[in-house]
Structure formats: structure tokens, C-alpha cells
N, C-alpha and C. Protein backbone atom coordinates (compact mmCIF):
# COMPACT_ATOMS: atom_id res chain seq x y z
N MET A 1 125.56 -0.64 188.71
CA MET A 1 127.03 -1.36 188.66
C MET A 1 127.93 -0.55 189.82
N ASP A 2 128.42 -1.26 190.73
CA ASP A 2 129.31 -0.71 191.66
C ASP A 2 130.54 -0.26 191.18
N LYS A 3 130.90 1.03 191.53
CA LYS A 3 131.95 1.78 190.95
C LYS A 3 133.37 1.30 191.82
N ILE A 4 134.28 1.12 191.06
CA ILE A 4 135.80 0.83 191.72
C ILE A 4 136.57 2.07 191.92
N GLU A 5 136.93 2.16 193.06
CA GLU A 5 137.93 3.50 193.16
C GLU A 5 139.31 2.91 193.78
N LEU A 6 140.31 3.82 193.56
CA LEU A 6 141.67 3.61 193.91
C LEU A 6 142.01 4.51 195.13
N ARG A 7 142.65 4.07 196.38
CA ARG A 7 143.30 4.98 197.27
C ARG A 7 144.70 4.52 197.67
N LYS A 8 145.49 5.47 197.97
CA LYS A 8 146.96 5.12 198.18
C LYS A 8 146.81 3.98 199.49
N VAL A 9 147.90 3.27 199.22
CA VAL A 9 148.36 2.25 200.22
C VAL A 9 148.77 2.89 201.49
N THR A 10 148.52 2.35 202.64
CA THR A 10 148.83 2.67 203.99
C THR A 10 149.60 1.42 204.48
N GLU A 11 150.31 1.68 205.69
CA GLU A 11 150.91 0.41 206.31
C GLU A 11 149.79 -0.68 206.70
N LYS A 12 148.71 0.01 206.89
CA LYS A 12 147.56 -1.02 207.62
C LYS A 12 147.18 -1.80 206.45
N ASP A 13 147.43 -1.64 205.04
CA ASP A 13 147.14 -2.68 204.14
C ASP A 13 148.13 -3.62 203.62
N TRP A 14 149.15 -3.47 204.10
CA TRP A 14 150.47 -4.53 203.98
C TRP A 14 150.05 -6.06 204.26
N ASN A 15 149.31 -6.41 205.16
CA ASN A 15 148.77 -7.69 205.30
C ASN A 15 147.85 -8.23 204.21
N PHE A 16 147.02 -7.25 203.85
CA PHE A 16 146.11 -7.68 202.76
C PHE A 16 146.94 -7.77 201.32
N ILE A 17 147.81 -7.09 201.21
CA ILE A 17 148.86 -7.24 200.20
C ILE A 17 149.52 -8.46 200.11
N LEU A 18 150.19 -8.79 201.30
CA LEU A 18 150.85 -10.00 201.47
C LEU A 18 149.85 -11.25 201.04
N ASP A 19 148.69 -11.24 201.47
CA ASP A 19 147.67 -12.26 201.39
C ASP A 19 147.38 -12.47 199.89
N LEU A 20 147.36 -11.27 199.12
CA LEU A 20 146.91 -11.37 197.89
C LEU A 20 148.33 -11.96 197.13
N ARG A 21 149.34 -11.42 197.42
CA ARG A 21 150.85 -12.09 196.90
C ARG A 21 150.73 -13.49 197.06
N ASN A 22 150.55 -14.02 198.13
CA ASN A 22 150.71 -15.41 198.35
C ASN A 22 149.43 -16.15 197.99
N GLU A 23 148.32 -15.51 197.44
CA GLU A 23 147.27 -16.26 196.97
C GLU A 23 147.57 -16.47 195.32
N PHE A 24 148.17 -15.60 194.64
CA PHE A 24 148.47 -15.98 193.34
C PHE A 24 149.77 -16.48 193.05
N TYR A 25 150.53 -16.83 193.90
CA TYR A 25 151.91 -17.37 193.50
C TYR A 25 152.07 -18.64 192.83
N THR A 26 151.15 -19.47 193.01
CA THR A 26 150.94 -20.50 191.90
C THR A 26 150.10 -20.47 190.73
N ASN A 27 150.45 -20.82 189.85
CA ASN A 27 149.19 -21.21 188.75
C ASN A 27 148.85 -19.70 188.07
N SER A 28 149.88 -18.86 187.94
CA SER A 28 149.61 -17.53 187.54
C SER A 28 150.79 -16.99 186.54
N PHE A 29 150.60 -15.78 186.10
CA PHE A 29 151.77 -15.24 185.37
C PHE A 29 152.71 -14.68 186.50
N TYR A 30 152.43 -14.50 187.55
CA TYR A 30 153.09 -13.61 188.72
C TYR A 30 154.48 -14.44 188.79
N GLU A 31 155.57 -13.74 188.81
CA GLU A 31 156.95 -14.67 189.00
C GLU A 31 157.24 -14.56 190.49
N GLN A 32 156.57 -15.51 191.07
CA GLN A 32 157.10 -15.80 192.57
C GLN A 32 156.96 -17.40 192.72
N LYS A 33 158.16 -17.70 193.42
CA LYS A 33 158.37 -19.07 193.46
C LYS A 33 158.08 -19.90 194.55
N LYS A 34 157.82 -19.04 195.67
CA LYS A 34 157.49 -19.52 197.02
C LYS A 34 156.69 -18.54 197.76
N LEU A 35 155.99 -19.00 199.00
CA LEU A 35 155.30 -18.01 199.64
C LEU A 35 156.22 -17.04 200.27
N ILE A 36 155.72 -15.83 200.61
CA ILE A 36 156.40 -14.72 200.91
C ILE A 36 156.15 -14.64 202.67
N GLN A 37 157.13 -14.50 203.39
CA GLN A 37 157.01 -14.46 204.65
C GLN A 37 156.76 -13.07 204.99
N LYS A 38 156.08 -12.88 206.10
CA LYS A 38 155.47 -11.43 206.50
C LYS A 38 156.80 -10.40 206.67
N THR A 39 157.88 -11.07 207.52
CA THR A 39 159.07 -10.20 207.65
C THR A 39 159.79 -9.69 206.35
N GLU A 40 159.63 -10.72 205.26
CA GLU A 40 160.42 -10.39 204.08
C GLU A 40 159.40 -9.46 203.45
N HIS A 41 158.15 -9.53 203.51
CA HIS A 41 157.17 -8.44 202.75
C HIS A 41 157.20 -7.24 203.46
N TYR A 42 157.43 -7.23 204.66
CA TYR A 42 157.34 -5.72 205.33
C TYR A 42 158.73 -5.17 205.06
N GLU A 43 159.86 -6.07 205.07
CA GLU A 43 161.10 -5.24 204.57
C GLU A 43 161.08 -4.63 203.29
N TYR A 44 160.48 -5.48 202.29
CA TYR A 44 160.21 -4.90 200.86
C TYR A 44 159.65 -3.91 200.76
N MET A 45 158.27 -3.65 201.44
CA MET A 45 157.41 -2.56 201.40
C MET A 45 158.22 -1.33 202.07
N ASN A 46 158.67 -1.46 203.38
CA ASN A 46 159.54 -0.30 203.98
C ASN A 46 160.61 0.17 203.01
N LYS A 47 161.30 -0.85 202.28
CA LYS A 47 162.40 -0.50 201.16
C LYS A 47 161.67 0.44 200.24
N GLN A 48 160.52 0.19 199.75
CA GLN A 48 160.03 0.72 198.49
C GLN A 48 159.27 2.24 198.87
N THR A 49 159.20 2.47 200.21
CA THR A 49 158.60 3.56 200.71
C THR A 49 159.58 4.83 200.03
N THR A 50 160.63 4.50 199.95
CA THR A 50 161.73 5.80 199.55
C THR A 50 162.05 5.69 198.26
N ASN A 51 161.41 4.78 197.17
CA ASN A 51 161.78 4.53 195.89
C ASN A 51 160.65 5.59 195.25
N PRO A 52 161.31 6.53 194.26
CA PRO A 52 160.32 7.35 193.80
C PRO A 52 159.65 6.66 192.47
N ASN A 53 160.09 5.57 191.96
CA ASN A 53 159.60 4.94 190.89
C ASN A 53 158.37 3.89 191.23
N PHE A 54 158.26 3.78 192.64
CA PHE A 54 157.13 2.86 193.35
C PHE A 54 156.07 3.49 193.63
N HIS A 55 155.02 3.16 193.06
CA HIS A 55 153.54 3.69 193.14
C HIS A 55 152.62 2.44 193.33
N GLN A 56 151.64 2.72 194.43
CA GLN A 56 150.91 1.64 194.71
C GLN A 56 149.41 2.01 195.31
N TRP A 57 148.44 1.22 194.80
CA TRP A 57 147.02 1.68 195.31
C TRP A 57 146.16 0.59 195.64
N ILE A 58 145.28 0.69 196.52
CA ILE A 58 144.33 -0.23 197.18
C ILE A 58 143.13 -0.14 196.18
N ALA A 59 142.40 -1.06 195.56
CA ALA A 59 141.16 -1.15 194.97
C ALA A 59 140.27 -1.27 195.88
N ILE A 60 139.06 -0.28 195.98
CA ILE A 60 137.96 -0.50 196.70
C ILE A 60 136.73 -0.47 196.09
N GLN A 61 135.59 -0.92 196.39
CA GLN A 61 134.39 -0.73 195.75
C GLN A 61 133.74 0.62 196.59
N SER A 62 133.07 1.32 195.70
CA SER A 62 132.71 2.81 196.36
C SER A 62 131.24 2.35 197.21
N LYS A 63 130.53 1.40 197.09
CA LYS A 63 129.55 1.29 197.93
C LYS A 63 129.72 0.66 199.25
N ASN A 64 130.59 -0.26 199.12
CA ASN A 64 131.19 -1.28 200.45
C ASN A 64 132.71 -0.94 200.34
N PRO A 65 133.32 0.01 201.00
CA PRO A 65 134.52 0.42 200.87
C PRO A 65 135.42 -0.56 201.59
N SER A 66 135.43 -1.74 200.92
CA SER A 66 136.33 -2.82 201.55
C SER A 66 137.39 -3.07 200.39
N SER A 67 138.41 -3.68 200.69
CA SER A 67 139.70 -3.70 199.76
C SER A 67 139.26 -4.92 198.89
N ILE A 68 139.54 -4.77 197.53
CA ILE A 68 139.22 -5.85 196.71
C ILE A 68 140.54 -6.15 195.79
N GLY A 69 141.39 -5.13 195.90
CA GLY A 69 142.59 -5.58 194.81
C GLY A 69 143.60 -4.62 195.27
N TYR A 70 144.77 -4.73 194.41
CA TYR A 70 146.03 -4.00 194.70
C TYR A 70 146.55 -3.74 193.26
N VAL A 71 146.87 -2.49 193.07
CA VAL A 71 147.61 -2.11 191.82
C VAL A 71 149.02 -1.36 192.17
N ARG A 72 149.94 -2.04 191.58
CA ARG A 72 151.38 -1.41 191.70
C ARG A 72 152.16 -1.21 190.30
N ILE A 73 152.98 -0.17 190.40
CA ILE A 73 153.78 0.41 189.17
C ILE A 73 155.14 0.57 189.80
N LEU A 74 155.88 -0.36 189.45
CA LEU A 74 157.45 -0.29 189.70
C LEU A 74 158.18 -0.10 188.55
N ASP A 75 158.78 1.17 188.32
CA ASP A 75 159.65 1.50 187.12
C ASP A 75 158.41 1.25 186.02
N GLN A 76 158.62 0.51 184.89
CA GLN A 76 157.74 0.28 183.83
C GLN A 76 156.76 -1.14 184.21
N ASP A 77 157.05 -1.58 185.35
CA ASP A 77 156.28 -2.86 185.32
C ASP A 77 154.87 -2.55 186.29
N VAL A 78 153.89 -3.08 185.50
CA VAL A 78 152.27 -2.86 186.32
C VAL A 78 151.96 -4.27 186.62
N ASN A 79 151.47 -4.02 187.97
CA ASN A 79 151.01 -5.37 188.59
C ASN A 79 149.54 -4.99 189.10
N ILE A 80 148.58 -5.87 188.77
CA ILE A 80 147.30 -5.91 189.25
C ILE A 80 146.88 -7.23 189.97
N MET A 81 146.30 -7.19 191.19
CA MET A 81 145.93 -8.18 191.76
C MET A 81 144.64 -8.09 192.36
N VAL A 82 143.61 -8.92 191.95
CA VAL A 82 142.27 -8.72 192.61
C VAL A 82 141.98 -10.13 193.40
N GLU A 83 141.47 -9.82 194.46
CA GLU A 83 141.09 -10.86 195.52
C GLU A 83 139.99 -11.84 194.77
N LYS A 84 140.08 -13.15 195.04
CA LYS A 84 139.24 -14.13 194.49
C LYS A 84 138.10 -14.20 195.13
N LYS A 85 136.81 -14.09 194.77
CA LYS A 85 135.73 -14.34 195.53
C LYS A 85 134.74 -15.16 194.58
């Protein structure tokens, strides 16, 4: 079985995270009412870089190090999104 590893998010991951957020905004428990625009997403991500209560990682498969998901902790809120395949 392929192991899943977590690595810290970099700015290069922001488009992947945006795609995940917009993929799951309907028919899920995620509280998002509309598609998020790239500028809005980048502003949010930039703002969170200075927030000490914001932690985020990209989930990757160890054999094929491609991004498969996103894990975020903001204060006491945990969010996990995995790419549909």
C-alpha cells in the first residue's frame, strides 16, 4: 500500500488548493456558498501566512509524489480535502 505523507504548503500549491476548494463547494459539509475567485483565494492565503493559528499541509503519495489532498488547521477547526479520482 502506498504511504501518504504531509509536507508544508508553499505558494506553488495555492492553485491546487483553490481547485480543491471549488471542487467541494457544493453537496458537501464544507460551508462555501459560491466559487472562490483566484484573487480572493490569494488574498486569503497571503493573510494567513502571518496567522500563528493557521497550519496547512499538502498530502502526497510517497511512491508518486503528486499532490492528492490538503489539510488545514485554523484555530480549532480542522479541514481535510482529498482530490476526487
